Amino acid sequence: MLTFALAISVSHVQANVDKQAAAWFMRMSEAFQSQNYDGIFVYSHGNNMETMRIVHRNLNGHEKERIVRMDGSRHELIRDGDQVICVHSADWEGDINHRIPAGPFAKSFVRDVTSLGESYDLTMAEEDRVAGRDAISLVISPKDNYRYGYRVWLDKETGLLLKTVLLYRGKVLERFQFTRLNIAEAIPDDALAIGIEGELQVHYPMLTQPPEVVEPKQSAWKLAWTPAGFVMRMEGIRRDFGGDSQASTLTYTDGLAAFSVFIEKIGNQKFESMVAQQGATVAVSAKTPDNHYVTVVGEVPLPTAKRLLESVVLNSESK
C-alpha cells in the first residue's frame, strides 16, 4: 500500500525524475502534516471497498487525526501524535489483532523516496479535477516488472493528496479517492473526539506493533536476490511470531514499496505452503528442507514475492 506522507529532496532526484513533479511531492508531504482537513474518502483493495471519514488537525505543530469507518461495524482510529488506538463498540466480536485499513494515511505506509529515480520514472501528467477541486496529476512508472506503478492526483491549491491508483500491468489493484473534502482553517476538539457511544473496546492496532517487537540483530539469513533499488531497512528477531516462537525478520524498501521476510524454526510440524493476495499486498509461505518456515509479505507483485521466497539462504557472515 502506498503512502504519501513523504519526504523527498530535490537534490537527490535523478535525471529521470521530473523536478517539477518532485517539487509537488515535497509540497504533498508538507500538506499532509500541516493542513487541517475533514473529508470522506473511498478506499478499494482487492474485492473490498470501504468508505471512511478522516479529520486531521495540526495545532501548534501537534498532529491529531480521527479516521471513522462508515460501512459495517463501528470502528474508529484515533491518532494523537505518535500514539494510535483503535476503538470499537462493546458488542464487537472481531479479532482483536486485526489491522485497520487506513489507506495512505496510516503511519505504517511512510516511505523514504530520496532514491526514487533508481527504480521509477516520475513525470507530470495532465491537470484534472477530483472531488470538485482542481488537481495536479503525477505518474510513477516502474523501470521493471518487479514492482507496481502509481498515478496520483494532488490538490492544486494546497498540495494535499486527493486520489491514488496503484497499477500492475495495466490492472488497478488499489484505489483511494476523496469524494468530499473541506480544507478548514480550524478543527474543533469535538470533531476529533471518539464518536461511538456507550461501552467501548479500545486496543492498539497491529499497524503500530512491528517497530516494537523486532529486536535489532544480524540475521542468520539473507536474500540471494532482490530487485534493483531495494535496500534493507531493518533486520532482527521478531518475538511472538506464531505464538511464543521467534522469527528472523528482514525488511526491504525501494522508497515506495516494501516487503518483509520472516524465517521461523518449526521442527517437524506440518505447515502447508500458502499464497494469498489482497489488493496490492501479497503473502507467500513455504517450508524449507531443514524445517524452517519462510514467509514473504509485502507490496510487490506475486511473481516477485515467489522469487524472493526462493532466494532466502543462510548468511555465512552472521555470528
C-alpha atoms as a PDB file:
ATOM      1  CA  MET A   1       0.000   0.000   0.000  1.00  0.00           C
ATOM      2  CA  LEU A   2       1.343   3.474  -0.998  1.00  0.00           C
ATOM      3  CA  THR A   3       1.858   6.339   1.449  1.00  0.00           C
ATOM      4  CA  PHE A   4       2.024   9.925   0.575  1.00  0.00           C
ATOM      5  CA  ALA A   5       3.332  11.323   3.841  1.00  0.00           C
ATOM      6  CA  LEU A   6       6.638  11.528   2.002  1.00  0.00           C
ATOM      7  CA  ALA A   7       9.891  13.399   2.358  1.00  0.00           C
ATOM      8  CA  ILE A   8      11.880  13.956  -0.815  1.00  0.00           C
ATOM      9  CA  SER A   9      14.958  16.043  -1.521  1.00  0.00           C
ATOM     10  CA  VAL A  10      15.188  17.545  -4.996  1.00  0.00           C
ATOM     11  CA  SER A  11      18.986  17.430  -4.765  1.00  0.00           C
ATOM     12  CA  HIS A  12      18.786  13.620  -4.642  1.00  0.00           C
ATOM     13  CA  VAL A  13      16.368  13.281  -7.560  1.00  0.00           C
ATOM     14  CA  GLN A  14      17.962  11.692 -10.596  1.00  0.00           C
ATOM     15  CA  ALA A  15      17.621  12.910 -14.170  1.00  0.00           C
ATOM     16  CA  ASN A  16      14.651  10.666 -14.997  1.00  0.00           C
ATOM     17  CA  VAL A  17      12.597  12.209 -12.174  1.00  0.00           C
ATOM     18  CA  ASP A  18      10.936  15.410 -13.303  1.00  0.00           C
ATOM     19  CA  LYS A  19      11.998  18.215 -10.948  1.00  0.00           C
ATOM     20  CA  GLN A  20       8.590  19.852 -11.104  1.00  0.00           C
ATOM     21  CA  ALA A  21       6.957  16.549 -10.126  1.00  0.00           C
ATOM     22  CA  ALA A  22       9.471  16.129  -7.290  1.00  0.00           C
ATOM     23  CA  ALA A  23       8.612  19.599  -6.018  1.00  0.00           C
ATOM     24  CA  TRP A  24       4.940  18.580  -5.886  1.00  0.00           C
ATOM     25  CA  PHE A  25       5.928  15.566  -3.789  1.00  0.00           C
ATOM     26  CA  MET A  26       7.614  17.903  -1.339  1.00  0.00           C
ATOM     27  CA  ARG A  27       4.508  20.034  -1.176  1.00  0.00           C
ATOM     28  CA  MET A  28       2.318  16.946  -0.708  1.00  0.00           C
ATOM     29  CA  SER A  29       4.362  15.820   2.288  1.00  0.00           C
ATOM     30  CA  GLU A  30       4.037  19.234   3.928  1.00  0.00           C
ATOM     31  CA  ALA A  31       0.291  19.345   3.224  1.00  0.00           C
ATOM     32  CA  PHE A  32      -0.375  16.029   4.986  1.00  0.00           C
ATOM     33  CA  GLN A  33       1.321  17.246   8.117  1.00  0.00           C
ATOM     34  CA  SER A  34       0.356  20.907   8.203  1.00  0.00           C
ATOM     35  CA  GLN A  35      -3.143  21.170   6.704  1.00  0.00           C
ATOM     36  CA  ASN A  36      -6.381  20.996   8.659  1.00  0.00           C
ATOM     37  CA  TYR A  37      -8.946  18.991   6.730  1.00  0.00           C
ATOM     38  CA  ASP A  38     -12.163  16.998   7.095  1.00  0.00           C
ATOM     39  CA  GLY A  39     -13.184  14.668   4.301  1.00  0.00           C
ATOM     40  CA  ILE A  40     -14.815  11.460   3.109  1.00  0.00           C
ATOM     41  CA  PHE A  41     -12.769   9.028   1.039  1.00  0.00           C
ATOM     42  CA  VAL A  42     -13.245   5.649  -0.638  1.00  0.00           C
ATOM     43  CA  TYR A  43     -10.518   3.016  -0.345  1.00  0.00           C
ATOM     44  CA  SER A  44     -10.730  -0.111  -2.509  1.00  0.00           C
ATOM     45  CA  HIS A  45      -8.280  -3.011  -2.381  1.00  0.00           C
ATOM     46  CA  GLY A  46      -8.875  -6.403  -3.962  1.00  0.00           C
ATOM     47  CA  ASN A  47     -12.582  -7.207  -3.673  1.00  0.00           C
ATOM     48  CA  ASN A  48     -13.066  -4.859  -0.706  1.00  0.00           C
ATOM     49  CA  MET A  49     -14.254  -1.282  -0.829  1.00  0.00           C
ATOM     50  CA  GLU A  50     -14.618   0.903   2.248  1.00  0.00           C
ATOM     51  CA  THR A  51     -15.851   4.417   2.846  1.00  0.00           C
ATOM     52  CA  MET A  52     -14.135   6.395   5.591  1.00  0.00           C
ATOM     53  CA  ARG A  53     -14.102   9.834   7.095  1.00  0.00           C
ATOM     54  CA  ILE A  54     -10.831  11.486   8.095  1.00  0.00           C
ATOM     55  CA  VAL A  55     -10.411  14.552  10.277  1.00  0.00           C
ATOM     56  CA  HIS A  56      -6.875  15.904  10.632  1.00  0.00           C
ATOM     57  CA  ARG A  57      -5.618  18.828  12.686  1.00  0.00           C
ATOM     58  CA  ASN A  58      -2.216  20.398  13.207  1.00  0.00           C
ATOM     59  CA  LEU A  59      -2.318  22.684  16.221  1.00  0.00           C
ATOM     60  CA  ASN A  60       0.978  24.394  17.036  1.00  0.00           C
ATOM     61  CA  GLY A  61       2.918  21.524  15.474  1.00  0.00           C
ATOM     62  CA  HIS A  62       0.957  18.735  17.221  1.00  0.00           C
ATOM     63  CA  GLU A  63      -0.961  16.428  14.878  1.00  0.00           C
ATOM     64  CA  LYS A  64      -4.182  14.695  15.787  1.00  0.00           C
ATOM     65  CA  GLU A  65      -6.283  12.587  13.463  1.00  0.00           C
ATOM     66  CA  ARG A  66      -9.511  10.606  13.528  1.00  0.00           C
ATOM     67  CA  ILE A  67     -10.459   8.006  10.922  1.00  0.00           C
ATOM     68  CA  VAL A  68     -14.012   6.619  11.032  1.00  0.00           C
ATOM     69  CA  ARG A  69     -15.175   3.572   9.101  1.00  0.00           C
ATOM     70  CA  MET A  70     -18.522   4.475   7.527  1.00  0.00           C
ATOM     71  CA  ASP A  71     -19.501   0.951   6.413  1.00  0.00           C
ATOM     72  CA  GLY A  72     -20.345  -2.083   8.529  1.00  0.00           C
ATOM     73  CA  SER A  73     -19.463  -2.294  12.232  1.00  0.00           C
ATOM     74  CA  ARG A  74     -18.400   0.856  14.070  1.00  0.00           C
ATOM     75  CA  HIS A  75     -14.620   1.279  14.008  1.00  0.00           C
ATOM     76  CA  GLU A  76     -12.588   4.393  14.675  1.00  0.00           C
ATOM     77  CA  LEU A  77      -8.860   5.035  14.572  1.00  0.00           C
ATOM     78  CA  ILE A  78      -7.539   7.859  16.749  1.00  0.00           C
ATOM     79  CA  ARG A  79      -4.007   9.137  16.232  1.00  0.00           C
ATOM     80  CA  ASP A  80      -2.645  11.630  18.772  1.00  0.00           C
ATOM     81  CA  GLY A  81       0.960  12.430  17.953  1.00  0.00           C
ATOM     82  CA  ASP A  82       2.670   9.029  17.734  1.00  0.00           C
ATOM     83  CA  GLN A  83       0.017   7.197  19.746  1.00  0.00           C
ATOM     84  CA  VAL A  84      -2.577   5.210  17.793  1.00  0.00           C
ATOM     85  CA  ILE A  85      -5.625   3.462  19.251  1.00  0.00           C
ATOM     86  CA  CYS A  86      -8.481   1.543  17.657  1.00  0.00           C
ATOM     87  CA  VAL A  87     -11.991   1.891  19.111  1.00  0.00           C
ATOM     88  CA  HIS A  88     -14.989  -0.448  18.721  1.00  0.00           C
ATOM     89  CA  SER A  89     -18.420  -0.710  20.291  1.00  0.00           C
ATOM     90  CA  ALA A  90     -18.508  -3.162  23.214  1.00  0.00           C
ATOM     91  CA  ASP A  91     -20.505  -5.804  21.321  1.00  0.00           C
ATOM     92  CA  TRP A  92     -17.901  -6.128  18.554  1.00  0.00           C
ATOM     93  CA  GLU A  93     -16.768  -9.774  18.211  1.00  0.00           C
ATOM     94  CA  GLY A  94     -13.902  -9.492  15.739  1.00  0.00           C
ATOM     95  CA  ASP A  95     -10.249 -10.440  16.111  1.00  0.00           C
ATOM     96  CA  ILE A  96      -8.547  -8.008  18.496  1.00  0.00           C
ATOM     97  CA  ASN A  97      -5.331  -8.356  16.459  1.00  0.00           C
ATOM     98  CA  HIS A  98      -6.892  -7.169  13.221  1.00  0.00           C
ATOM     99  CA  ARG A  99      -5.467  -4.385  11.104  1.00  0.00           C
ATOM    100  CA  ILE A 100      -7.404  -1.216  10.485  1.00  0.00           C
ATOM    101  CA  PRO A 101      -7.137  -0.271   6.809  1.00  0.00           C
ATOM    102  CA  ALA A 102      -6.482   3.434   6.703  1.00  0.00           C
ATOM    103  CA  GLY A 103      -5.255   3.818   3.173  1.00  0.00           C
ATOM    104  CA  PRO A 104      -2.326   6.133   2.626  1.00  0.00           C
ATOM    105  CA  PHE A 105      -2.830   7.861   5.978  1.00  0.00           C
ATOM    106  CA  ALA A 106      -1.505   5.074   8.234  1.00  0.00           C
ATOM    107  CA  LYS A 107       1.949   5.574   9.758  1.00  0.00           C
ATOM    108  CA  SER A 108       2.942   2.119   8.566  1.00  0.00           C
ATOM    109  CA  PHE A 109       2.925   3.433   4.973  1.00  0.00           C
ATOM    110  CA  VAL A 110       5.595   6.079   5.457  1.00  0.00           C
ATOM    111  CA  ARG A 111       8.427   5.710   2.958  1.00  0.00           C
ATOM    112  CA  ASP A 112      11.667   7.492   2.076  1.00  0.00           C
ATOM    113  CA  VAL A 113      11.715   8.308  -1.630  1.00  0.00           C
ATOM    114  CA  THR A 114      15.027  10.139  -1.869  1.00  0.00           C
ATOM    115  CA  SER A 115      16.243   7.397  -4.238  1.00  0.00           C
ATOM    116  CA  LEU A 116      13.023   7.208  -6.241  1.00  0.00           C
ATOM    117  CA  GLY A 117      14.819   7.710  -9.554  1.00  0.00           C
ATOM    118  CA  GLU A 118      16.753   4.446  -9.198  1.00  0.00           C
ATOM    119  CA  SER A 119      13.623   2.356  -9.693  1.00  0.00           C
ATOM    120  CA  TYR A 120      10.896   4.634 -11.067  1.00  0.00           C
ATOM    121  CA  ASP A 121      10.263   7.372 -13.601  1.00  0.00           C
ATOM    122  CA  LEU A 122       8.338  10.296 -12.093  1.00  0.00           C
ATOM    123  CA  THR A 123       6.607  12.637 -14.536  1.00  0.00           C
ATOM    124  CA  MET A 124       3.856  15.236 -14.658  1.00  0.00           C
ATOM    125  CA  ALA A 125       0.556  14.376 -16.342  1.00  0.00           C
ATOM    126  CA  GLU A 126      -2.421  16.456 -17.417  1.00  0.00           C
ATOM    127  CA  GLU A 127      -4.342  18.555 -14.908  1.00  0.00           C
ATOM    128  CA  ASP A 128      -7.689  17.180 -13.728  1.00  0.00           C
ATOM    129  CA  ARG A 129     -10.472  17.635 -11.167  1.00  0.00           C
ATOM    130  CA  VAL A 130     -11.127  15.394  -8.131  1.00  0.00           C
ATOM    131  CA  ALA A 131     -13.892  15.898  -5.542  1.00  0.00           C
ATOM    132  CA  GLY A 132     -14.696  19.226  -7.162  1.00  0.00           C
ATOM    133  CA  ARG A 133     -11.140  20.556  -6.772  1.00  0.00           C
ATOM    134  CA  ASP A 134      -8.519  21.391  -9.410  1.00  0.00           C
ATOM    135  CA  ALA A 135      -5.797  18.747  -9.313  1.00  0.00           C
ATOM    136  CA  ILE A 136      -2.225  18.167 -10.478  1.00  0.00           C
ATOM    137  CA  SER A 137      -1.564  14.621 -11.733  1.00  0.00           C
ATOM    138  CA  LEU A 138       1.706  12.654 -11.442  1.00  0.00           C
ATOM    139  CA  VAL A 139       2.713   9.307 -12.928  1.00  0.00           C
ATOM    140  CA  ILE A 140       5.157   6.966 -11.161  1.00  0.00           C
ATOM    141  CA  SER A 141       6.258   4.273 -13.610  1.00  0.00           C
ATOM    142  CA  PRO A 142       8.411   1.290 -12.523  1.00  0.00           C
ATOM    143  CA  LYS A 143      11.522   0.522 -14.552  1.00  0.00           C
ATOM    144  CA  ASP A 144      10.917  -3.243 -14.359  1.00  0.00           C
ATOM    145  CA  ASN A 145       8.154  -5.772 -13.676  1.00  0.00           C
ATOM    146  CA  TYR A 146       9.247  -6.424 -10.085  1.00  0.00           C
ATOM    147  CA  ARG A 147       7.177  -3.579  -8.597  1.00  0.00           C
ATOM    148  CA  TYR A 148       3.946  -1.652  -9.069  1.00  0.00           C
ATOM    149  CA  GLY A 149       3.216   1.642 -10.772  1.00  0.00           C
ATOM    150  CA  TYR A 150       1.196   4.549  -9.389  1.00  0.00           C
ATOM    151  CA  ARG A 151      -0.872   7.517 -10.518  1.00  0.00           C
ATOM    152  CA  VAL A 152      -1.541  10.295  -8.018  1.00  0.00           C
ATOM    153  CA  TRP A 153      -3.650  13.444  -8.009  1.00  0.00           C
ATOM    154  CA  LEU A 154      -2.800  16.415  -5.745  1.00  0.00           C
ATOM    155  CA  ASP A 155      -4.883  19.424  -4.839  1.00  0.00           C
ATOM    156  CA  LYS A 156      -3.582  22.314  -6.925  1.00  0.00           C
ATOM    157  CA  GLU A 157      -4.243  24.845  -4.174  1.00  0.00           C
ATOM    158  CA  THR A 158      -2.756  23.041  -1.150  1.00  0.00           C
ATOM    159  CA  GLY A 159      -0.806  20.028  -2.499  1.00  0.00           C
ATOM    160  CA  LEU A 160      -2.962  17.634  -0.459  1.00  0.00           C
ATOM    161  CA  LEU A 161      -3.410  14.133  -1.861  1.00  0.00           C
ATOM    162  CA  LEU A 162      -6.840  13.730  -3.477  1.00  0.00           C
ATOM    163  CA  LYS A 163      -6.601  10.401  -5.289  1.00  0.00           C
ATOM    164  CA  THR A 164      -4.226   7.479  -5.929  1.00  0.00           C
ATOM    165  CA  VAL A 165      -4.355   4.461  -8.193  1.00  0.00           C
ATOM    166  CA  LEU A 166      -1.950   1.533  -7.816  1.00  0.00           C
ATOM    167  CA  LEU A 167      -1.362  -0.441 -11.017  1.00  0.00           C
ATOM    168  CA  TYR A 168       0.274  -3.656 -12.174  1.00  0.00           C
ATOM    169  CA  ARG A 169       0.473  -4.372 -15.897  1.00  0.00           C
ATOM    170  CA  GLY A 170      -2.426  -2.034 -16.546  1.00  0.00           C
ATOM    171  CA  LYS A 171      -4.691  -3.526 -13.861  1.00  0.00           C
ATOM    172  CA  VAL A 172      -5.868  -1.413 -10.920  1.00  0.00           C
ATOM    173  CA  LEU A 173      -5.138  -3.196  -7.618  1.00  0.00           C
ATOM    174  CA  GLU A 174      -5.882  -0.400  -5.139  1.00  0.00           C
ATOM    175  CA  ARG A 175      -7.637   2.926  -5.338  1.00  0.00           C
ATOM    176  CA  PHE A 176      -8.011   5.791  -2.880  1.00  0.00           C
ATOM    177  CA  GLN A 177     -10.093   8.860  -3.623  1.00  0.00           C
ATOM    178  CA  PHE A 178     -11.687  11.715  -1.714  1.00  0.00           C
ATOM    179  CA  THR A 179     -15.364  12.185  -2.553  1.00  0.00           C
ATOM    180  CA  ARG A 180     -15.725  15.186  -0.269  1.00  0.00           C
ATOM    181  CA  LEU A 181     -13.006  17.395   1.178  1.00  0.00           C
ATOM    182  CA  ASN A 182     -13.131  20.503   3.331  1.00  0.00           C
ATOM    183  CA  ILE A 183      -9.848  22.367   3.870  1.00  0.00           C
ATOM    184  CA  ALA A 184     -10.502  24.055   7.186  1.00  0.00           C
ATOM    185  CA  GLU A 185      -8.820  26.939   8.997  1.00  0.00           C
ATOM    186  CA  ALA A 186      -9.553  25.292  12.341  1.00  0.00           C
ATOM    187  CA  ILE A 187     -10.784  21.869  13.504  1.00  0.00           C
ATOM    188  CA  PRO A 188     -12.788  21.856  16.787  1.00  0.00           C
ATOM    189  CA  ASP A 189     -12.000  19.360  19.554  1.00  0.00           C
ATOM    190  CA  ASP A 190     -15.356  17.587  19.237  1.00  0.00           C
ATOM    191  CA  ALA A 191     -14.609  16.652  15.611  1.00  0.00           C
ATOM    192  CA  LEU A 192     -11.603  14.655  16.871  1.00  0.00           C
ATOM    193  CA  ALA A 193     -13.378  13.024  19.834  1.00  0.00           C
ATOM    194  CA  ILE A 194     -14.478   9.373  19.751  1.00  0.00           C
ATOM    195  CA  GLY A 195     -17.918   9.237  18.167  1.00  0.00           C
ATOM    196  CA  ILE A 196     -19.028   5.767  19.319  1.00  0.00           C
ATOM    197  CA  GLU A 197     -21.445   5.965  22.228  1.00  0.00           C
ATOM    198  CA  GLY A 198     -21.839   3.521  25.123  1.00  0.00           C
ATOM    199  CA  GLU A 199     -19.338   0.937  26.344  1.00  0.00           C
ATOM    200  CA  LEU A 200     -16.210   0.674  24.211  1.00  0.00           C
ATOM    201  CA  GLN A 201     -13.385  -1.701  23.321  1.00  0.00           C
ATOM    202  CA  VAL A 202     -10.036   0.054  22.921  1.00  0.00           C
ATOM    203  CA  HIS A 203      -6.793  -1.545  21.722  1.00  0.00           C
ATOM    204  CA  TYR A 204      -3.596  -0.774  19.873  1.00  0.00           C
ATOM    205  CA  PRO A 205      -3.942  -1.904  16.248  1.00  0.00           C
ATOM    206  CA  MET A 206      -1.363  -4.129  14.575  1.00  0.00           C
ATOM    207  CA  LEU A 207      -0.122  -1.310  12.373  1.00  0.00           C
ATOM    208  CA  THR A 208       1.689   0.139  15.402  1.00  0.00           C
ATOM    209  CA  GLN A 209       3.366  -3.101  16.511  1.00  0.00           C
ATOM    210  CA  PRO A 210       6.229  -4.114  14.158  1.00  0.00           C
ATOM    211  CA  PRO A 211       8.785  -1.480  15.320  1.00  0.00           C
ATOM    212  CA  GLU A 212       8.153  -2.501  18.944  1.00  0.00           C
ATOM    213  CA  VAL A 213       8.562  -6.275  18.657  1.00  0.00           C
ATOM    214  CA  VAL A 214      11.661  -6.596  16.471  1.00  0.00           C
ATOM    215  CA  GLU A 215      14.968  -6.835  18.334  1.00  0.00           C
ATOM    216  CA  PRO A 216      17.729  -5.429  16.078  1.00  0.00           C
ATOM    217  CA  LYS A 217      20.220  -8.211  15.380  1.00  0.00           C
ATOM    218  CA  GLN A 218      22.127  -9.554  12.397  1.00  0.00           C
ATOM    219  CA  SER A 219      20.081 -12.342  10.896  1.00  0.00           C
ATOM    220  CA  ALA A 220      21.297 -15.856  10.198  1.00  0.00           C
ATOM    221  CA  TRP A 221      19.546 -15.499   6.838  1.00  0.00           C
ATOM    222  CA  LYS A 222      19.816 -13.276   3.799  1.00  0.00           C
ATOM    223  CA  LEU A 223      18.350 -12.860   0.329  1.00  0.00           C
ATOM    224  CA  ALA A 224      20.484 -14.078  -2.554  1.00  0.00           C
ATOM    225  CA  TRP A 225      18.411 -11.866  -4.877  1.00  0.00           C
ATOM    226  CA  THR A 226      16.416  -8.656  -4.569  1.00  0.00           C
ATOM    227  CA  PRO A 227      15.081  -6.382  -7.322  1.00  0.00           C
ATOM    228  CA  ALA A 228      17.405  -3.476  -8.104  1.00  0.00           C
ATOM    229  CA  GLY A 229      16.753  -0.489  -5.853  1.00  0.00           C
ATOM    230  CA  PHE A 230      15.529  -2.419  -2.800  1.00  0.00           C
ATOM    231  CA  VAL A 231      17.688  -1.890   0.284  1.00  0.00           C
ATOM    232  CA  MET A 232      17.426  -3.371   3.766  1.00  0.00           C
ATOM    233  CA  ARG A 233      15.566  -1.124   6.173  1.00  0.00           C
ATOM    234  CA  MET A 234      15.613  -3.418   9.184  1.00  0.00           C
ATOM    235  CA  GLU A 235      16.763  -6.859  10.310  1.00  0.00           C
ATOM    236  CA  GLY A 236      16.381  -8.608  13.625  1.00  0.00           C
ATOM    237  CA  ILE A 237      14.423 -11.122  15.676  1.00  0.00           C
ATOM    238  CA  ARG A 238      10.665 -10.759  15.854  1.00  0.00           C
ATOM    239  CA  ARG A 239       9.221 -12.093  19.103  1.00  0.00           C
ATOM    240  CA  ASP A 240       5.866 -13.875  19.449  1.00  0.00           C
ATOM    241  CA  PHE A 241       5.665 -14.728  15.761  1.00  0.00           C
ATOM    242  CA  GLY A 242       3.168 -17.580  15.640  1.00  0.00           C
ATOM    243  CA  GLY A 243       2.921 -17.846  19.425  1.00  0.00           C
ATOM    244  CA  ASP A 244       5.932 -17.885  21.734  1.00  0.00           C
ATOM    245  CA  SER A 245       8.397 -18.643  18.957  1.00  0.00           C
ATOM    246  CA  GLN A 246      10.883 -16.305  17.345  1.00  0.00           C
ATOM    247  CA  ALA A 247      11.322 -15.403  13.691  1.00  0.00           C
ATOM    248  CA  SER A 248      14.245 -13.835  11.894  1.00  0.00           C
ATOM    249  CA  THR A 249      12.963 -10.722  10.150  1.00  0.00           C
ATOM    250  CA  LEU A 250      14.308  -8.890   7.094  1.00  0.00           C
ATOM    251  CA  THR A 251      12.560  -5.764   5.783  1.00  0.00           C
ATOM    252  CA  TYR A 252      13.394  -4.056   2.486  1.00  0.00           C
ATOM    253  CA  THR A 253      12.162  -0.921   0.707  1.00  0.00           C
ATOM    254  CA  ASP A 254      12.791   0.830  -2.592  1.00  0.00           C
ATOM    255  CA  GLY A 255      11.355   4.114  -1.346  1.00  0.00           C
ATOM    256  CA  LEU A 256       7.728   3.418  -2.256  1.00  0.00           C
ATOM    257  CA  ALA A 257       7.178  -0.333  -1.919  1.00  0.00           C
ATOM    258  CA  ALA A 258       8.269  -2.514   0.989  1.00  0.00           C
ATOM    259  CA  PHE A 259       8.302  -6.209   1.853  1.00  0.00           C
ATOM    260  CA  SER A 260       9.306  -8.313   4.853  1.00  0.00           C
ATOM    261  CA  VAL A 261      10.716 -11.827   5.106  1.00  0.00           C
ATOM    262  CA  PHE A 262      10.105 -13.993   8.200  1.00  0.00           C
ATOM    263  CA  ILE A 263      12.050 -17.216   8.852  1.00  0.00           C
ATOM    264  CA  GLU A 264      10.843 -19.394  11.720  1.00  0.00           C
ATOM    265  CA  LYS A 265      12.194 -22.708  13.029  1.00  0.00           C
ATOM    266  CA  ILE A 266       9.282 -25.186  13.132  1.00  0.00           C
ATOM    267  CA  GLY A 267      10.895 -28.605  13.658  1.00  0.00           C
ATOM    268  CA  ASN A 268       8.760 -31.443  12.295  1.00  0.00           C
ATOM    269  CA  GLN A 269       5.459 -29.575  12.459  1.00  0.00           C
ATOM    270  CA  LYS A 270       3.334 -29.712   9.341  1.00  0.00           C
ATOM    271  CA  PHE A 271       2.932 -26.362   7.601  1.00  0.00           C
ATOM    272  CA  GLU A 272       1.340 -26.002   4.181  1.00  0.00           C
ATOM    273  CA  SER A 273       2.637 -23.674   1.507  1.00  0.00           C
ATOM    274  CA  MET A 274       0.492 -20.575   1.174  1.00  0.00           C
ATOM    275  CA  VAL A 275      -0.223 -17.950  -1.482  1.00  0.00           C
ATOM    276  CA  ALA A 276      -2.555 -15.023  -0.747  1.00  0.00           C
ATOM    277  CA  GLN A 277      -3.208 -11.586  -2.190  1.00  0.00           C
ATOM    278  CA  GLN A 278      -5.378  -8.698  -1.017  1.00  0.00           C
ATOM    279  CA  GLY A 279      -5.180  -5.762  -3.368  1.00  0.00           C
ATOM    280  CA  ALA A 280      -1.501  -4.874  -3.720  1.00  0.00           C
ATOM    281  CA  THR A 281      -0.395  -6.827  -0.642  1.00  0.00           C
ATOM    282  CA  VAL A 282       0.750 -10.403  -1.186  1.00  0.00           C
ATOM    283  CA  ALA A 283       1.894 -13.187   1.146  1.00  0.00           C
ATOM    284  CA  VAL A 284       3.659 -16.410   0.178  1.00  0.00           C
ATOM    285  CA  SER A 285       4.998 -19.103   2.509  1.00  0.00           C
ATOM    286  CA  ALA A 286       6.815 -22.416   2.222  1.00  0.00           C
ATOM    287  CA  LYS A 287       8.612 -24.954   4.409  1.00  0.00           C
ATOM    288  CA  THR A 288      12.318 -25.494   3.752  1.00  0.00           C
ATOM    289  CA  PRO A 289      14.049 -28.932   3.752  1.00  0.00           C
ATOM    290  CA  ASP A 290      15.773 -28.049   7.043  1.00  0.00           C
ATOM    291  CA  ASN A 291      12.434 -27.453   8.839  1.00  0.00           C
ATOM    292  CA  HIS A 292      12.138 -23.688   8.645  1.00  0.00           C
ATOM    293  CA  TYR A 293       9.021 -21.854   7.559  1.00  0.00           C
ATOM    294  CA  VAL A 294       9.647 -18.842   5.325  1.00  0.00           C
ATOM    295  CA  THR A 295       7.066 -16.137   4.668  1.00  0.00           C
ATOM    296  CA  VAL A 296       7.302 -13.117   2.361  1.00  0.00           C
ATOM    297  CA  VAL A 297       4.725 -10.347   2.887  1.00  0.00           C
ATOM    298  CA  GLY A 298       4.666  -7.023   1.110  1.00  0.00           C
ATOM    299  CA  GLU A 299       3.594  -4.627  -1.585  1.00  0.00           C
ATOM    300  CA  VAL A 300       5.184  -6.377  -4.546  1.00  0.00           C
ATOM    301  CA  PRO A 301       3.721  -8.385  -7.441  1.00  0.00           C
ATOM    302  CA  LEU A 302       3.131 -12.080  -6.781  1.00  0.00           C
ATOM    303  CA  PRO A 303       5.911 -13.298  -9.146  1.00  0.00           C
ATOM    304  CA  THR A 304       8.367 -11.041  -7.280  1.00  0.00           C
ATOM    305  CA  ALA A 305       7.274 -12.424  -3.897  1.00  0.00           C
ATOM    306  CA  LYS A 306       7.664 -16.005  -5.109  1.00  0.00           C
ATOM    307  CA  ARG A 307      11.182 -15.332  -6.407  1.00  0.00           C
ATOM    308  CA  LEU A 308      12.107 -13.655  -3.115  1.00  0.00           C
ATOM    309  CA  LEU A 309      10.851 -16.717  -1.251  1.00  0.00           C
ATOM    310  CA  GLU A 310      13.167 -18.918  -3.300  1.00  0.00           C
ATOM    311  CA  SER A 311      16.092 -16.548  -2.665  1.00  0.00           C
ATOM    312  CA  VAL A 312      16.258 -16.968   1.127  1.00  0.00           C
ATOM    313  CA  VAL A 313      19.596 -18.578   2.089  1.00  0.00           C
ATOM    314  CA  LEU A 314      21.764 -18.868   5.175  1.00  0.00           C
ATOM    315  CA  ASN A 315      24.009 -15.865   5.821  1.00  0.00           C
ATOM    316  CA  SER A 316      27.593 -17.103   6.095  1.00  0.00           C
ATOM    317  CA  GLU A 317      28.630 -13.743   7.613  1.00  0.00           C
ATOM    318  CA  SER A 318      26.225 -13.921  10.554  1.00  0.00           C
ATOM    319  CA  LYS A 319      27.585 -14.535  14.044  1.00  0.00           C
END
